[in-house]
Amino acid sequence: MSTQGLGTISKDALAQGAGGFDYYSGTTNHTGNWGIVEVVGDAVFTTLTVANTGGASLAGPTFTAGFKFFGDITVIKLASGSVIAYRHSI
């Protein structure tokens, strides 16, 4: 895929998913090392742990399909919905 004409953020985002992805739709607790989490079906998180956020909680509100989280994400637990979590490059 050519990245010509893409801004810096887009190039970085492409690099974040170089390690593949995981699809989650259940309520199981998942641990890993992801750079991007994209909401596929409207989702409510029980836990979404992102490094360097000062302890901010993303649990509770509904995030609509298409919403993306960027960061050093280490824990994902859904109350409902589905997401694709893109792994950091290996």
N, C-alpha and C. Protein backbone atom coordinates (compact mmCIF):
# COMPACT_ATOMS: atom_id res chain seq x y z
N MET A 1 0.85 -1.18 0.00
CA MET A 1 0.00 0.00 0.00
C MET A 1 0.89 1.23 0.00
N SER A 2 0.61 2.14 -0.88
CA SER A 2 1.37 3.39 -0.94
C SER A 2 0.89 4.34 0.15
N THR A 3 1.85 5.01 0.80
CA THR A 3 1.49 6.00 1.80
C THR A 3 1.75 7.41 1.29
N GLN A 4 2.07 7.53 -0.01
CA GLN A 4 2.33 8.84 -0.58
C GLN A 4 1.09 9.72 -0.43
N GLY A 5 1.30 10.92 0.08
CA GLY A 5 0.20 11.86 0.25
C GLY A 5 -0.51 11.74 1.58
N LEU A 6 -0.17 10.72 2.37
CA LEU A 6 -0.79 10.57 3.68
C LEU A 6 -0.04 11.42 4.69
N GLY A 7 -0.76 11.98 5.65
CA GLY A 7 -0.12 12.76 6.71
C GLY A 7 0.65 11.87 7.66
N THR A 8 1.41 12.48 8.54
CA THR A 8 2.23 11.75 9.50
C THR A 8 1.39 10.83 10.38
N ILE A 9 0.26 11.30 10.85
CA ILE A 9 -0.58 10.47 11.72
C ILE A 9 -1.03 9.22 10.98
N SER A 10 -1.42 9.35 9.73
CA SER A 10 -1.88 8.19 8.97
C SER A 10 -0.75 7.18 8.78
N LYS A 11 0.46 7.65 8.49
CA LYS A 11 1.58 6.72 8.33
C LYS A 11 1.85 6.00 9.65
N ASP A 12 1.82 6.72 10.76
CA ASP A 12 2.01 6.10 12.07
C ASP A 12 0.92 5.09 12.36
N ALA A 13 -0.30 5.42 12.01
CA ALA A 13 -1.42 4.52 12.26
C ALA A 13 -1.25 3.23 11.46
N LEU A 14 -0.78 3.35 10.22
CA LEU A 14 -0.54 2.15 9.42
C LEU A 14 0.52 1.28 10.07
N ALA A 15 1.58 1.89 10.58
CA ALA A 15 2.66 1.14 11.22
C ALA A 15 2.17 0.44 12.48
N GLN A 16 1.23 1.03 13.20
CA GLN A 16 0.73 0.45 14.44
C GLN A 16 0.11 -0.92 14.22
N GLY A 17 -0.52 -1.14 13.09
CA GLY A 17 -1.20 -2.40 12.84
C GLY A 17 -0.35 -3.43 12.13
N ALA A 18 0.94 -3.18 12.01
CA ALA A 18 1.83 -4.07 11.27
C ALA A 18 1.93 -5.46 11.90
N GLY A 19 1.56 -5.59 13.16
CA GLY A 19 1.63 -6.88 13.84
C GLY A 19 0.36 -7.71 13.72
N GLY A 20 -0.60 -7.27 12.93
CA GLY A 20 -1.86 -7.99 12.77
C GLY A 20 -2.96 -7.41 13.65
N PHE A 21 -4.05 -8.14 13.81
CA PHE A 21 -5.17 -7.61 14.59
C PHE A 21 -5.91 -8.74 15.29
N ASP A 22 -6.72 -8.33 16.26
CA ASP A 22 -7.60 -9.26 16.98
C ASP A 22 -9.01 -8.70 16.93
N TYR A 23 -9.99 -9.58 16.75
CA TYR A 23 -11.40 -9.19 16.75
C TYR A 23 -12.02 -9.69 18.05
N TYR A 24 -12.69 -8.80 18.76
CA TYR A 24 -13.34 -9.18 20.02
C TYR A 24 -14.80 -8.76 20.02
N SER A 25 -15.65 -9.66 20.49
CA SER A 25 -17.08 -9.33 20.60
C SER A 25 -17.71 -9.83 21.88
N GLY A 26 -16.97 -10.53 22.69
CA GLY A 26 -17.51 -11.06 23.94
C GLY A 26 -17.13 -10.22 25.13
N THR A 27 -17.43 -10.71 26.31
CA THR A 27 -17.17 -9.96 27.54
C THR A 27 -15.94 -10.48 28.29
N THR A 28 -15.11 -11.26 27.63
CA THR A 28 -13.87 -11.77 28.22
C THR A 28 -12.84 -10.66 28.34
N ASN A 29 -12.02 -10.71 29.37
CA ASN A 29 -10.92 -9.76 29.55
C ASN A 29 -9.77 -10.16 28.63
N HIS A 30 -9.26 -9.22 27.83
CA HIS A 30 -8.17 -9.49 26.89
C HIS A 30 -6.98 -8.60 27.24
N THR A 31 -5.80 -9.20 27.31
CA THR A 31 -4.58 -8.42 27.54
C THR A 31 -3.66 -8.58 26.34
N GLY A 32 -2.95 -7.51 26.02
CA GLY A 32 -2.06 -7.53 24.88
C GLY A 32 -1.35 -6.20 24.73
N ASN A 33 -0.92 -5.93 23.51
CA ASN A 33 -0.20 -4.70 23.22
C ASN A 33 -0.68 -4.18 21.87
N TRP A 34 -1.69 -3.33 21.92
CA TRP A 34 -2.31 -2.79 20.72
C TRP A 34 -2.05 -1.30 20.59
N GLY A 35 -2.04 -0.81 19.35
CA GLY A 35 -1.85 0.61 19.11
C GLY A 35 -3.12 1.32 18.70
N ILE A 36 -4.07 0.56 18.15
CA ILE A 36 -5.34 1.13 17.71
C ILE A 36 -6.45 0.15 18.06
N VAL A 37 -7.56 0.65 18.58
CA VAL A 37 -8.77 -0.15 18.76
C VAL A 37 -9.87 0.57 18.00
N GLU A 38 -10.45 -0.15 17.04
CA GLU A 38 -11.53 0.41 16.22
C GLU A 38 -12.85 -0.26 16.59
N VAL A 39 -13.85 0.55 16.88
CA VAL A 39 -15.18 0.02 17.22
C VAL A 39 -15.86 -0.42 15.92
N VAL A 40 -16.27 -1.69 15.87
CA VAL A 40 -16.94 -2.24 14.68
C VAL A 40 -18.45 -2.20 14.85
N GLY A 41 -18.92 -2.63 16.01
CA GLY A 41 -20.33 -2.55 16.37
C GLY A 41 -20.43 -1.73 17.65
N ASP A 42 -21.35 -0.80 17.70
CA ASP A 42 -21.44 0.10 18.86
C ASP A 42 -21.03 -0.64 20.13
N ALA A 43 -20.10 -0.05 20.89
CA ALA A 43 -19.47 -0.77 21.99
C ALA A 43 -19.50 0.02 23.29
N VAL A 44 -19.65 -0.73 24.39
CA VAL A 44 -19.48 -0.21 25.74
C VAL A 44 -18.35 -1.02 26.36
N PHE A 45 -17.36 -0.34 26.92
CA PHE A 45 -16.23 -1.00 27.54
C PHE A 45 -16.43 -1.11 29.05
N THR A 46 -16.08 -2.27 29.59
CA THR A 46 -15.97 -2.42 31.03
C THR A 46 -14.60 -1.91 31.45
N THR A 47 -13.58 -2.27 30.63
CA THR A 47 -12.21 -1.82 30.86
C THR A 47 -11.55 -1.54 29.52
N LEU A 48 -10.86 -0.42 29.43
CA LEU A 48 -9.98 -0.12 28.31
C LEU A 48 -8.79 0.62 28.90
N THR A 49 -7.68 -0.10 29.07
CA THR A 49 -6.51 0.47 29.72
C THR A 49 -5.56 1.02 28.67
N VAL A 50 -5.30 2.32 28.76
CA VAL A 50 -4.41 3.01 27.83
C VAL A 50 -3.33 3.71 28.67
N ALA A 51 -2.06 3.43 28.35
CA ALA A 51 -0.94 4.02 29.10
C ALA A 51 -0.94 5.54 28.96
N ASN A 52 -0.44 6.21 29.97
CA ASN A 52 -0.22 7.66 29.97
C ASN A 52 -1.50 8.48 29.79
N THR A 53 -2.60 8.00 30.36
CA THR A 53 -3.84 8.76 30.29
C THR A 53 -4.21 9.35 31.64
N GLY A 54 -3.34 9.21 32.63
CA GLY A 54 -3.60 9.77 33.94
C GLY A 54 -4.75 9.10 34.67
N GLY A 55 -5.04 7.85 34.32
CA GLY A 55 -6.09 7.11 35.02
C GLY A 55 -7.49 7.41 34.52
N ALA A 56 -7.62 8.12 33.40
CA ALA A 56 -8.94 8.42 32.84
C ALA A 56 -9.66 7.12 32.50
N SER A 57 -10.94 7.05 32.81
CA SER A 57 -11.73 5.86 32.53
C SER A 57 -12.56 6.05 31.27
N LEU A 58 -12.51 5.05 30.41
CA LEU A 58 -13.32 5.06 29.19
C LEU A 58 -14.48 4.08 29.32
N ALA A 59 -14.69 3.56 30.52
CA ALA A 59 -15.77 2.61 30.76
C ALA A 59 -17.08 3.35 30.92
N GLY A 60 -18.14 2.76 30.37
CA GLY A 60 -19.47 3.31 30.58
C GLY A 60 -20.16 3.86 29.36
N PRO A 61 -19.61 4.89 28.68
CA PRO A 61 -20.33 5.46 27.55
C PRO A 61 -20.34 4.52 26.34
N THR A 62 -21.30 4.72 25.46
CA THR A 62 -21.37 3.96 24.22
C THR A 62 -20.56 4.66 23.15
N PHE A 63 -19.64 3.92 22.53
CA PHE A 63 -18.85 4.43 21.42
C PHE A 63 -19.41 3.82 20.14
N THR A 64 -19.69 4.66 19.16
CA THR A 64 -20.34 4.19 17.93
C THR A 64 -19.34 3.57 16.97
N ALA A 65 -19.86 2.74 16.07
CA ALA A 65 -19.04 2.08 15.07
C ALA A 65 -18.24 3.11 14.30
N GLY A 66 -16.97 2.81 14.08
CA GLY A 66 -16.07 3.70 13.38
C GLY A 66 -15.16 4.50 14.30
N PHE A 67 -15.51 4.60 15.58
CA PHE A 67 -14.68 5.34 16.53
C PHE A 67 -13.36 4.59 16.73
N LYS A 68 -12.24 5.32 16.83
CA LYS A 68 -10.94 4.70 17.01
C LYS A 68 -10.23 5.29 18.22
N PHE A 69 -9.59 4.41 18.97
CA PHE A 69 -8.72 4.80 20.08
C PHE A 69 -7.29 4.56 19.63
N PHE A 70 -6.40 5.51 19.88
CA PHE A 70 -4.99 5.38 19.57
C PHE A 70 -4.20 5.47 20.87
N GLY A 71 -3.17 4.67 21.00
CA GLY A 71 -2.34 4.73 22.20
C GLY A 71 -1.69 3.40 22.49
N ASP A 72 -1.11 3.28 23.65
CA ASP A 72 -0.51 2.04 24.11
C ASP A 72 -1.57 1.32 24.94
N ILE A 73 -2.38 0.51 24.27
CA ILE A 73 -3.54 -0.13 24.87
C ILE A 73 -3.15 -1.54 25.32
N THR A 74 -3.41 -1.85 26.59
CA THR A 74 -2.97 -3.13 27.14
C THR A 74 -4.09 -4.05 27.64
N VAL A 75 -5.27 -3.50 27.91
CA VAL A 75 -6.39 -4.32 28.38
C VAL A 75 -7.67 -3.86 27.69
N ILE A 76 -8.43 -4.84 27.18
CA ILE A 76 -9.74 -4.57 26.57
C ILE A 76 -10.74 -5.54 27.17
N LYS A 77 -11.82 -4.99 27.70
CA LYS A 77 -12.94 -5.82 28.15
C LYS A 77 -14.22 -5.09 27.77
N LEU A 78 -15.04 -5.75 26.99
CA LEU A 78 -16.29 -5.16 26.52
C LEU A 78 -17.47 -5.58 27.39
N ALA A 79 -18.40 -4.66 27.58
CA ALA A 79 -19.70 -5.00 28.16
C ALA A 79 -20.64 -5.40 27.02
N SER A 80 -20.46 -4.75 25.85
CA SER A 80 -21.25 -5.06 24.67
C SER A 80 -20.54 -4.51 23.44
N GLY A 81 -20.94 -4.99 22.28
CA GLY A 81 -20.39 -4.50 21.03
C GLY A 81 -19.23 -5.34 20.52
N SER A 82 -18.50 -4.79 19.55
CA SER A 82 -17.37 -5.50 18.97
C SER A 82 -16.31 -4.51 18.50
N VAL A 83 -15.05 -4.96 18.54
CA VAL A 83 -13.92 -4.11 18.17
C VAL A 83 -12.88 -4.93 17.40
N ILE A 84 -12.06 -4.21 16.64
CA ILE A 84 -10.85 -4.76 16.06
C ILE A 84 -9.70 -4.05 16.74
N ALA A 85 -8.77 -4.82 17.32
CA ALA A 85 -7.61 -4.26 18.02
C ALA A 85 -6.38 -4.56 17.18
N TYR A 86 -5.71 -3.50 16.71
CA TYR A 86 -4.53 -3.64 15.85
C TYR A 86 -3.28 -3.69 16.71
N ARG A 87 -2.52 -4.79 16.57
CA ARG A 87 -1.32 -5.01 17.38
C ARG A 87 -0.19 -4.08 16.93
N HIS A 88 0.65 -3.68 17.88
CA HIS A 88 1.88 -2.97 17.55
C HIS A 88 2.71 -3.88 16.65
N SER A 89 3.54 -3.29 15.82
CA SER A 89 4.40 -4.11 14.98
C SER A 89 5.32 -4.96 15.84
N ILE A 90 5.67 -6.10 15.32
CA ILE A 90 6.48 -7.07 16.06
C ILE A 90 7.95 -6.74 15.92
